[in-house]
Amino acid sequence: MSEKLTQKQVRELLDEWSAVMTAIDKTDIARRKALAPALAAYQEAEDGYDAKHGAKAATLRSSAEGIETRIKAWLKAQDKAVVVAGETAEAVNEVKTGSRVADPKKFFEKVKDRGAAFWDCLNVGIAKAEALIGAAELETISTAKTKMTAVVRMKG
């Protein structure tokens, strides 16, 4: 249940909220300013690391990607659920069941009463409907759902 407020009270709360947000911004700016020297030193050290170790890491990543590509190709060729386990890793072809989809033609044949409950079950795929009857024609029979969203933000 929401608190009963007048518009004047909401304006006062907005001003209070704005002051708090401004204070947060100032604190964040001071924090970034204080951290700048440490971040610069870190960046310099990281650049040195990349120069020293980056090529080796890139070679290792490339090797891992090549091995993974070969394993995935083998898994896809199996076309069934399979698990192969090494000492510290495993390759898995998992069966994942997606959302159920009803065949529209069979649904129409199955349901004889075409009342409101029947029509509530149906949705029209917008992209396919546009391709079938055109965007302008579809627009004449379409509606967009809207909802109210509460937003508190700084102006400007």
N, C-alpha and C. Protein backbone atom coordinates (compact mmCIF):
# COMPACT_ATOMS: atom_id res chain seq x y z
N MET A 1 0.85 -1.18 0.00
CA MET A 1 0.00 0.00 0.00
C MET A 1 0.89 1.23 0.00
N SER A 2 0.56 2.18 -0.83
CA SER A 2 1.42 3.36 -0.94
C SER A 2 1.07 4.40 0.12
N GLU A 3 2.06 5.15 0.45
CA GLU A 3 1.92 6.23 1.42
C GLU A 3 1.09 7.35 0.80
N LYS A 4 0.20 7.95 1.59
CA LYS A 4 -0.62 9.05 1.07
C LYS A 4 0.20 10.33 1.12
N LEU A 5 0.51 10.88 -0.06
CA LEU A 5 1.31 12.09 -0.16
C LEU A 5 0.59 13.10 -1.03
N THR A 6 0.82 14.36 -0.73
CA THR A 6 0.32 15.41 -1.61
C THR A 6 1.39 15.69 -2.66
N GLN A 7 1.02 16.39 -3.74
CA GLN A 7 2.01 16.75 -4.75
C GLN A 7 3.09 17.63 -4.14
N LYS A 8 2.72 18.48 -3.20
CA LYS A 8 3.71 19.34 -2.54
C LYS A 8 4.73 18.48 -1.79
N GLN A 9 4.25 17.45 -1.09
CA GLN A 9 5.16 16.57 -0.36
C GLN A 9 6.06 15.79 -1.33
N VAL A 10 5.52 15.40 -2.46
CA VAL A 10 6.32 14.70 -3.45
C VAL A 10 7.40 15.63 -4.00
N ARG A 11 7.06 16.90 -4.28
CA ARG A 11 8.06 17.87 -4.73
C ARG A 11 9.17 18.03 -3.69
N GLU A 12 8.80 18.09 -2.41
CA GLU A 12 9.80 18.21 -1.34
C GLU A 12 10.68 16.97 -1.29
N LEU A 13 10.08 15.80 -1.44
CA LEU A 13 10.86 14.55 -1.46
C LEU A 13 11.79 14.51 -2.67
N LEU A 14 11.30 14.99 -3.82
CA LEU A 14 12.16 15.03 -5.01
C LEU A 14 13.37 15.92 -4.78
N ASP A 15 13.16 17.08 -4.15
CA ASP A 15 14.28 17.97 -3.85
C ASP A 15 15.27 17.31 -2.89
N GLU A 16 14.73 16.58 -1.89
CA GLU A 16 15.60 15.87 -0.94
C GLU A 16 16.37 14.77 -1.66
N TRP A 17 15.68 14.01 -2.51
CA TRP A 17 16.32 12.94 -3.28
C TRP A 17 17.41 13.51 -4.17
N SER A 18 17.12 14.63 -4.83
CA SER A 18 18.09 15.27 -5.72
C SER A 18 19.33 15.69 -4.95
N ALA A 19 19.15 16.23 -3.75
CA ALA A 19 20.30 16.64 -2.93
C ALA A 19 21.15 15.42 -2.56
N VAL A 20 20.49 14.32 -2.21
CA VAL A 20 21.22 13.09 -1.87
C VAL A 20 21.98 12.58 -3.09
N MET A 21 21.34 12.58 -4.26
CA MET A 21 22.00 12.11 -5.48
C MET A 21 23.19 13.00 -5.84
N THR A 22 23.06 14.29 -5.66
CA THR A 22 24.16 15.22 -5.91
C THR A 22 25.32 14.94 -4.96
N ALA A 23 25.00 14.66 -3.70
CA ALA A 23 26.05 14.33 -2.72
C ALA A 23 26.75 13.03 -3.12
N ILE A 24 25.98 12.06 -3.61
CA ILE A 24 26.58 10.79 -4.08
C ILE A 24 27.53 11.07 -5.23
N ASP A 25 27.11 11.89 -6.19
CA ASP A 25 27.96 12.23 -7.33
C ASP A 25 29.26 12.88 -6.87
N LYS A 26 29.16 13.82 -5.94
CA LYS A 26 30.36 14.51 -5.44
C LYS A 26 31.29 13.52 -4.75
N THR A 27 30.72 12.60 -3.99
CA THR A 27 31.52 11.57 -3.31
C THR A 27 32.22 10.67 -4.32
N ASP A 28 31.50 10.28 -5.38
CA ASP A 28 32.09 9.45 -6.42
C ASP A 28 33.23 10.17 -7.14
N ILE A 29 33.04 11.46 -7.41
CA ILE A 29 34.09 12.25 -8.08
C ILE A 29 35.33 12.31 -7.19
N ALA A 30 35.14 12.56 -5.89
CA ALA A 30 36.27 12.63 -4.95
C ALA A 30 36.98 11.27 -4.88
N ARG A 31 36.19 10.19 -4.89
CA ARG A 31 36.77 8.84 -4.84
C ARG A 31 37.63 8.59 -6.07
N ARG A 32 37.08 8.91 -7.26
CA ARG A 32 37.85 8.69 -8.49
C ARG A 32 39.12 9.53 -8.49
N LYS A 33 39.03 10.76 -7.99
CA LYS A 33 40.20 11.64 -7.95
C LYS A 33 41.26 11.06 -7.01
N ALA A 34 40.82 10.53 -5.85
CA ALA A 34 41.76 9.95 -4.89
C ALA A 34 42.40 8.67 -5.44
N LEU A 35 41.63 7.91 -6.22
CA LEU A 35 42.14 6.64 -6.75
C LEU A 35 42.97 6.81 -8.03
N ALA A 36 42.91 7.97 -8.64
CA ALA A 36 43.58 8.17 -9.94
C ALA A 36 45.06 7.77 -9.93
N PRO A 37 45.85 8.19 -8.94
CA PRO A 37 47.26 7.78 -8.96
C PRO A 37 47.44 6.25 -8.86
N ALA A 38 46.66 5.61 -8.01
CA ALA A 38 46.76 4.16 -7.86
C ALA A 38 46.33 3.46 -9.15
N LEU A 39 45.27 3.97 -9.78
CA LEU A 39 44.81 3.36 -11.03
C LEU A 39 45.83 3.55 -12.15
N ALA A 40 46.49 4.70 -12.17
CA ALA A 40 47.52 4.94 -13.18
C ALA A 40 48.70 3.98 -12.98
N ALA A 41 49.09 3.78 -11.73
CA ALA A 41 50.18 2.84 -11.44
C ALA A 41 49.78 1.41 -11.82
N TYR A 42 48.53 1.06 -11.52
CA TYR A 42 48.04 -0.26 -11.88
C TYR A 42 48.06 -0.43 -13.40
N GLN A 43 47.58 0.57 -14.13
CA GLN A 43 47.54 0.50 -15.59
C GLN A 43 48.95 0.33 -16.16
N GLU A 44 49.91 1.04 -15.58
CA GLU A 44 51.29 0.93 -16.03
C GLU A 44 51.83 -0.48 -15.78
N ALA A 45 51.52 -1.02 -14.61
CA ALA A 45 51.96 -2.38 -14.29
C ALA A 45 51.28 -3.39 -15.21
N GLU A 46 50.00 -3.18 -15.48
CA GLU A 46 49.26 -4.09 -16.34
C GLU A 46 49.83 -4.05 -17.77
N ASP A 47 50.17 -2.86 -18.24
CA ASP A 47 50.77 -2.74 -19.57
C ASP A 47 52.08 -3.51 -19.64
N GLY A 48 52.87 -3.44 -18.57
CA GLY A 48 54.12 -4.19 -18.52
C GLY A 48 53.87 -5.69 -18.53
N TYR A 49 52.84 -6.11 -17.80
CA TYR A 49 52.49 -7.53 -17.78
C TYR A 49 52.07 -7.99 -19.17
N ASP A 50 51.21 -7.17 -19.81
CA ASP A 50 50.73 -7.54 -21.15
C ASP A 50 51.90 -7.67 -22.12
N ALA A 51 52.86 -6.74 -22.02
CA ALA A 51 54.02 -6.80 -22.92
C ALA A 51 54.83 -8.07 -22.67
N LYS A 52 54.91 -8.46 -21.41
CA LYS A 52 55.74 -9.61 -21.05
C LYS A 52 55.01 -10.95 -21.26
N HIS A 53 53.73 -10.99 -20.88
CA HIS A 53 53.01 -12.27 -20.87
C HIS A 53 51.86 -12.36 -21.85
N GLY A 54 51.48 -11.25 -22.46
CA GLY A 54 50.30 -11.24 -23.32
C GLY A 54 50.39 -12.18 -24.50
N ALA A 55 51.53 -12.23 -25.16
CA ALA A 55 51.68 -13.09 -26.32
C ALA A 55 51.52 -14.56 -25.94
N LYS A 56 52.10 -14.94 -24.81
CA LYS A 56 51.99 -16.33 -24.37
C LYS A 56 50.53 -16.66 -24.05
N ALA A 57 49.83 -15.75 -23.36
CA ALA A 57 48.42 -15.98 -23.03
C ALA A 57 47.59 -16.08 -24.30
N ALA A 58 47.87 -15.25 -25.30
CA ALA A 58 47.13 -15.29 -26.57
C ALA A 58 47.36 -16.62 -27.27
N THR A 59 48.58 -17.11 -27.24
CA THR A 59 48.90 -18.41 -27.86
C THR A 59 48.15 -19.53 -27.15
N LEU A 60 48.12 -19.47 -25.83
CA LEU A 60 47.41 -20.49 -25.05
C LEU A 60 45.90 -20.44 -25.34
N ARG A 61 45.33 -19.22 -25.39
CA ARG A 61 43.90 -19.07 -25.68
C ARG A 61 43.58 -19.65 -27.07
N SER A 62 44.41 -19.35 -28.03
CA SER A 62 44.21 -19.85 -29.39
C SER A 62 44.26 -21.37 -29.41
N SER A 63 45.19 -21.94 -28.68
CA SER A 63 45.30 -23.39 -28.60
C SER A 63 44.04 -23.99 -27.97
N ALA A 64 43.58 -23.40 -26.87
CA ALA A 64 42.38 -23.90 -26.19
C ALA A 64 41.16 -23.80 -27.10
N GLU A 65 41.04 -22.70 -27.84
CA GLU A 65 39.91 -22.52 -28.76
C GLU A 65 39.94 -23.57 -29.87
N GLY A 66 41.15 -23.88 -30.38
CA GLY A 66 41.28 -24.90 -31.43
C GLY A 66 40.85 -26.26 -30.93
N ILE A 67 41.30 -26.61 -29.72
CA ILE A 67 40.93 -27.91 -29.13
C ILE A 67 39.42 -27.96 -28.91
N GLU A 68 38.88 -26.88 -28.36
CA GLU A 68 37.44 -26.83 -28.09
C GLU A 68 36.63 -26.97 -29.38
N THR A 69 37.07 -26.34 -30.45
CA THR A 69 36.39 -26.43 -31.74
C THR A 69 36.36 -27.87 -32.23
N ARG A 70 37.48 -28.56 -32.10
CA ARG A 70 37.55 -29.97 -32.54
C ARG A 70 36.61 -30.84 -31.71
N ILE A 71 36.60 -30.61 -30.38
CA ILE A 71 35.74 -31.42 -29.50
C ILE A 71 34.27 -31.16 -29.81
N LYS A 72 33.91 -29.89 -29.99
CA LYS A 72 32.51 -29.57 -30.28
C LYS A 72 32.07 -30.14 -31.63
N ALA A 73 32.96 -30.14 -32.61
CA ALA A 73 32.63 -30.73 -33.90
C ALA A 73 32.35 -32.22 -33.74
N TRP A 74 33.17 -32.90 -32.95
CA TRP A 74 32.96 -34.32 -32.70
C TRP A 74 31.64 -34.56 -31.99
N LEU A 75 31.35 -33.72 -30.97
CA LEU A 75 30.09 -33.87 -30.23
C LEU A 75 28.89 -33.70 -31.15
N LYS A 76 28.93 -32.67 -32.00
CA LYS A 76 27.81 -32.42 -32.91
C LYS A 76 27.62 -33.59 -33.88
N ALA A 77 28.70 -34.21 -34.28
CA ALA A 77 28.61 -35.35 -35.20
C ALA A 77 27.96 -36.56 -34.54
N GLN A 78 27.99 -36.66 -33.21
CA GLN A 78 27.40 -37.79 -32.50
C GLN A 78 25.87 -37.75 -32.58
N ASP A 79 25.29 -36.54 -32.60
CA ASP A 79 23.85 -36.36 -32.73
C ASP A 79 23.04 -37.15 -31.71
N LYS A 80 23.58 -37.26 -30.51
CA LYS A 80 22.86 -37.92 -29.41
C LYS A 80 23.48 -37.42 -28.10
N ALA A 81 22.79 -37.68 -27.00
CA ALA A 81 23.33 -37.29 -25.70
C ALA A 81 24.53 -38.16 -25.39
N VAL A 82 25.64 -37.51 -25.05
CA VAL A 82 26.86 -38.25 -24.75
C VAL A 82 27.70 -37.43 -23.77
N VAL A 83 28.44 -38.13 -22.91
CA VAL A 83 29.36 -37.49 -21.99
C VAL A 83 30.69 -38.20 -22.10
N VAL A 84 31.75 -37.40 -22.31
CA VAL A 84 33.10 -37.94 -22.31
C VAL A 84 33.86 -37.16 -21.25
N ALA A 85 34.43 -37.88 -20.28
CA ALA A 85 35.11 -37.21 -19.17
C ALA A 85 36.59 -37.50 -19.19
N GLY A 86 37.37 -36.43 -19.09
CA GLY A 86 38.80 -36.56 -18.89
C GLY A 86 39.07 -36.47 -17.40
N GLU A 87 40.33 -36.24 -17.02
CA GLU A 87 40.64 -36.14 -15.59
C GLU A 87 40.08 -34.87 -14.98
N THR A 88 40.10 -33.74 -15.72
CA THR A 88 39.69 -32.47 -15.13
C THR A 88 38.65 -31.70 -15.95
N ALA A 89 38.19 -32.30 -17.04
CA ALA A 89 37.20 -31.62 -17.89
C ALA A 89 36.29 -32.66 -18.51
N GLU A 90 35.14 -32.20 -18.98
CA GLU A 90 34.23 -33.11 -19.65
C GLU A 90 33.60 -32.43 -20.85
N ALA A 91 33.24 -33.25 -21.82
CA ALA A 91 32.53 -32.79 -23.01
C ALA A 91 31.15 -33.42 -22.97
N VAL A 92 30.13 -32.60 -23.17
CA VAL A 92 28.77 -33.08 -22.99
C VAL A 92 27.89 -32.62 -24.14
N ASN A 93 27.17 -33.54 -24.71
CA ASN A 93 26.08 -33.23 -25.63
C ASN A 93 24.82 -33.35 -24.80
N GLU A 94 24.25 -32.22 -24.42
CA GLU A 94 23.07 -32.23 -23.56
C GLU A 94 21.82 -32.06 -24.39
N VAL A 95 20.78 -32.70 -23.96
CA VAL A 95 19.48 -32.51 -24.58
C VAL A 95 18.75 -31.45 -23.76
N LYS A 96 18.40 -30.37 -24.42
CA LYS A 96 17.66 -29.30 -23.76
C LYS A 96 16.30 -29.18 -24.42
N THR A 97 15.28 -29.24 -23.60
CA THR A 97 13.93 -29.14 -24.11
C THR A 97 13.49 -27.69 -24.06
N GLY A 98 13.07 -27.18 -25.20
CA GLY A 98 12.61 -25.80 -25.27
C GLY A 98 11.16 -25.68 -24.86
N SER A 99 10.59 -24.53 -25.09
CA SER A 99 9.19 -24.28 -24.78
C SER A 99 8.31 -25.13 -25.70
N ARG A 100 7.19 -25.57 -25.17
CA ARG A 100 6.26 -26.32 -25.99
C ARG A 100 5.64 -25.40 -27.04
N VAL A 101 5.42 -25.93 -28.21
CA VAL A 101 4.79 -25.18 -29.28
C VAL A 101 3.66 -26.04 -29.83
N ALA A 102 2.46 -25.46 -29.85
CA ALA A 102 1.31 -26.19 -30.38
C ALA A 102 1.22 -25.95 -31.88
N ASP A 103 0.93 -27.00 -32.61
CA ASP A 103 0.73 -26.90 -34.06
C ASP A 103 -0.61 -26.18 -34.28
N PRO A 104 -0.60 -24.99 -34.89
CA PRO A 104 -1.83 -24.22 -35.04
C PRO A 104 -2.94 -24.98 -35.79
N LYS A 105 -2.58 -25.67 -36.85
CA LYS A 105 -3.58 -26.39 -37.63
C LYS A 105 -4.24 -27.48 -36.79
N LYS A 106 -3.43 -28.25 -36.07
CA LYS A 106 -3.97 -29.31 -35.22
C LYS A 106 -4.80 -28.73 -34.08
N PHE A 107 -4.38 -27.57 -33.55
CA PHE A 107 -5.13 -26.91 -32.47
C PHE A 107 -6.52 -26.51 -32.99
N PHE A 108 -6.57 -25.91 -34.20
CA PHE A 108 -7.85 -25.53 -34.78
C PHE A 108 -8.75 -26.75 -34.99
N GLU A 109 -8.16 -27.85 -35.41
CA GLU A 109 -8.95 -29.07 -35.63
C GLU A 109 -9.45 -29.66 -34.32
N LYS A 110 -8.66 -29.55 -33.26
CA LYS A 110 -8.99 -30.15 -31.97
C LYS A 110 -10.09 -29.39 -31.23
N VAL A 111 -10.05 -28.04 -31.30
CA VAL A 111 -10.99 -27.22 -30.54
C VAL A 111 -12.18 -26.86 -31.43
N LYS A 112 -13.32 -27.33 -31.03
CA LYS A 112 -14.53 -27.07 -31.83
C LYS A 112 -15.22 -25.77 -31.40
N ASP A 113 -15.19 -25.45 -30.10
CA ASP A 113 -15.84 -24.23 -29.60
C ASP A 113 -14.89 -23.05 -29.78
N ARG A 114 -15.22 -22.16 -30.68
CA ARG A 114 -14.34 -21.03 -31.00
C ARG A 114 -14.78 -19.77 -30.26
N GLY A 115 -15.05 -19.93 -28.96
CA GLY A 115 -15.45 -18.79 -28.14
C GLY A 115 -14.25 -17.98 -27.67
N ALA A 116 -14.47 -17.12 -26.70
CA ALA A 116 -13.43 -16.22 -26.19
C ALA A 116 -12.23 -16.99 -25.63
N ALA A 117 -12.49 -18.11 -24.95
CA ALA A 117 -11.39 -18.90 -24.38
C ALA A 117 -10.47 -19.42 -25.48
N PHE A 118 -11.06 -19.80 -26.61
CA PHE A 118 -10.27 -20.27 -27.74
C PHE A 118 -9.36 -19.15 -28.25
N TRP A 119 -9.92 -17.97 -28.49
CA TRP A 119 -9.14 -16.86 -29.04
C TRP A 119 -8.09 -16.36 -28.06
N ASP A 120 -8.34 -16.50 -26.75
CA ASP A 120 -7.33 -16.11 -25.75
C ASP A 120 -6.08 -16.98 -25.82
N CYS A 121 -6.20 -18.17 -26.41
CA CYS A 121 -5.05 -19.07 -26.54
C CYS A 121 -4.12 -18.67 -27.67
N LEU A 122 -4.56 -17.81 -28.57
CA LEU A 122 -3.80 -17.55 -29.79
C LEU A 122 -3.03 -16.24 -29.74
N ASN A 123 -1.87 -16.26 -30.36
CA ASN A 123 -1.04 -15.07 -30.57
C ASN A 123 -0.62 -15.08 -32.03
N VAL A 124 -0.36 -13.90 -32.56
CA VAL A 124 0.09 -13.78 -33.94
C VAL A 124 1.55 -13.36 -33.94
N GLY A 125 2.38 -14.09 -34.64
CA GLY A 125 3.79 -13.71 -34.78
C GLY A 125 3.89 -12.47 -35.65
N ILE A 126 4.34 -11.37 -35.09
CA ILE A 126 4.34 -10.08 -35.78
C ILE A 126 5.19 -10.10 -37.06
N ALA A 127 6.40 -10.59 -36.99
CA ALA A 127 7.28 -10.57 -38.16
C ALA A 127 6.68 -11.38 -39.31
N LYS A 128 6.15 -12.56 -39.01
CA LYS A 128 5.56 -13.39 -40.06
C LYS A 128 4.26 -12.77 -40.58
N ALA A 129 3.48 -12.16 -39.69
CA ALA A 129 2.24 -11.52 -40.11
C ALA A 129 2.53 -10.31 -41.02
N GLU A 130 3.57 -9.55 -40.68
CA GLU A 130 3.97 -8.42 -41.54
C GLU A 130 4.38 -8.91 -42.92
N ALA A 131 5.11 -10.00 -42.95
CA ALA A 131 5.54 -10.55 -44.23
C ALA A 131 4.33 -11.04 -45.05
N LEU A 132 3.31 -11.52 -44.36
CA LEU A 132 2.13 -12.06 -45.03
C LEU A 132 1.19 -10.97 -45.53
N ILE A 133 0.86 -9.99 -44.66
CA ILE A 133 -0.14 -8.98 -45.06
C ILE A 133 0.40 -7.56 -45.14
N GLY A 134 1.68 -7.37 -44.77
CA GLY A 134 2.28 -6.04 -44.84
C GLY A 134 2.16 -5.30 -43.52
N ALA A 135 3.14 -4.47 -43.26
CA ALA A 135 3.20 -3.74 -41.98
C ALA A 135 2.02 -2.78 -41.83
N ALA A 136 1.67 -2.07 -42.90
CA ALA A 136 0.59 -1.09 -42.81
C ALA A 136 -0.74 -1.76 -42.49
N GLU A 137 -1.01 -2.87 -43.15
CA GLU A 137 -2.27 -3.59 -42.90
C GLU A 137 -2.29 -4.17 -41.49
N LEU A 138 -1.14 -4.72 -41.06
CA LEU A 138 -1.07 -5.29 -39.71
C LEU A 138 -1.27 -4.21 -38.66
N GLU A 139 -0.75 -3.02 -38.92
CA GLU A 139 -0.89 -1.91 -37.97
C GLU A 139 -2.36 -1.59 -37.71
N THR A 140 -3.21 -1.75 -38.72
CA THR A 140 -4.64 -1.42 -38.55
C THR A 140 -5.37 -2.39 -37.64
N ILE A 141 -4.80 -3.57 -37.42
CA ILE A 141 -5.46 -4.56 -36.56
C ILE A 141 -4.65 -4.89 -35.31
N SER A 142 -3.62 -4.10 -35.04
CA SER A 142 -2.73 -4.37 -33.90
C SER A 142 -2.94 -3.36 -32.79
N THR A 143 -2.60 -3.79 -31.59
CA THR A 143 -2.55 -2.89 -30.43
C THR A 143 -1.25 -3.16 -29.70
N ALA A 144 -0.77 -2.16 -29.01
CA ALA A 144 0.44 -2.33 -28.20
C ALA A 144 0.04 -2.24 -26.74
N LYS A 145 0.53 -3.17 -25.95
CA LYS A 145 0.26 -3.12 -24.52
C LYS A 145 1.12 -2.04 -23.90
N THR A 146 0.54 -1.28 -23.02
CA THR A 146 1.28 -0.24 -22.31
C THR A 146 1.14 -0.47 -20.82
N LYS A 147 2.10 0.02 -20.08
CA LYS A 147 2.01 -0.06 -18.63
C LYS A 147 2.68 1.16 -18.04
N MET A 148 2.24 1.56 -16.90
CA MET A 148 2.79 2.70 -16.20
C MET A 148 4.04 2.26 -15.45
N THR A 149 5.10 3.03 -15.57
CA THR A 149 6.35 2.73 -14.88
C THR A 149 6.75 3.96 -14.08
N ALA A 150 6.94 3.77 -12.78
CA ALA A 150 7.35 4.88 -11.92
C ALA A 150 8.83 5.12 -12.08
N VAL A 151 9.21 6.38 -12.38
CA VAL A 151 10.60 6.74 -12.61
C VAL A 151 10.92 8.00 -11.82
N VAL A 152 12.02 7.97 -11.10
CA VAL A 152 12.53 9.16 -10.42
C VAL A 152 13.90 9.41 -11.01
N ARG A 153 14.10 10.61 -11.58
CA ARG A 153 15.37 10.90 -12.24
C ARG A 153 15.70 12.37 -12.12
N MET A 154 16.97 12.64 -12.34
CA MET A 154 17.43 14.02 -12.35
C MET A 154 16.97 14.65 -13.65
N LYS A 155 16.69 15.95 -13.62
CA LYS A 155 16.30 16.66 -14.83
C LYS A 155 17.52 16.95 -15.68
N GLY A 156 17.28 17.05 -16.97
CA GLY A 156 18.35 17.48 -17.88
C GLY A 156 19.21 16.40 -18.23
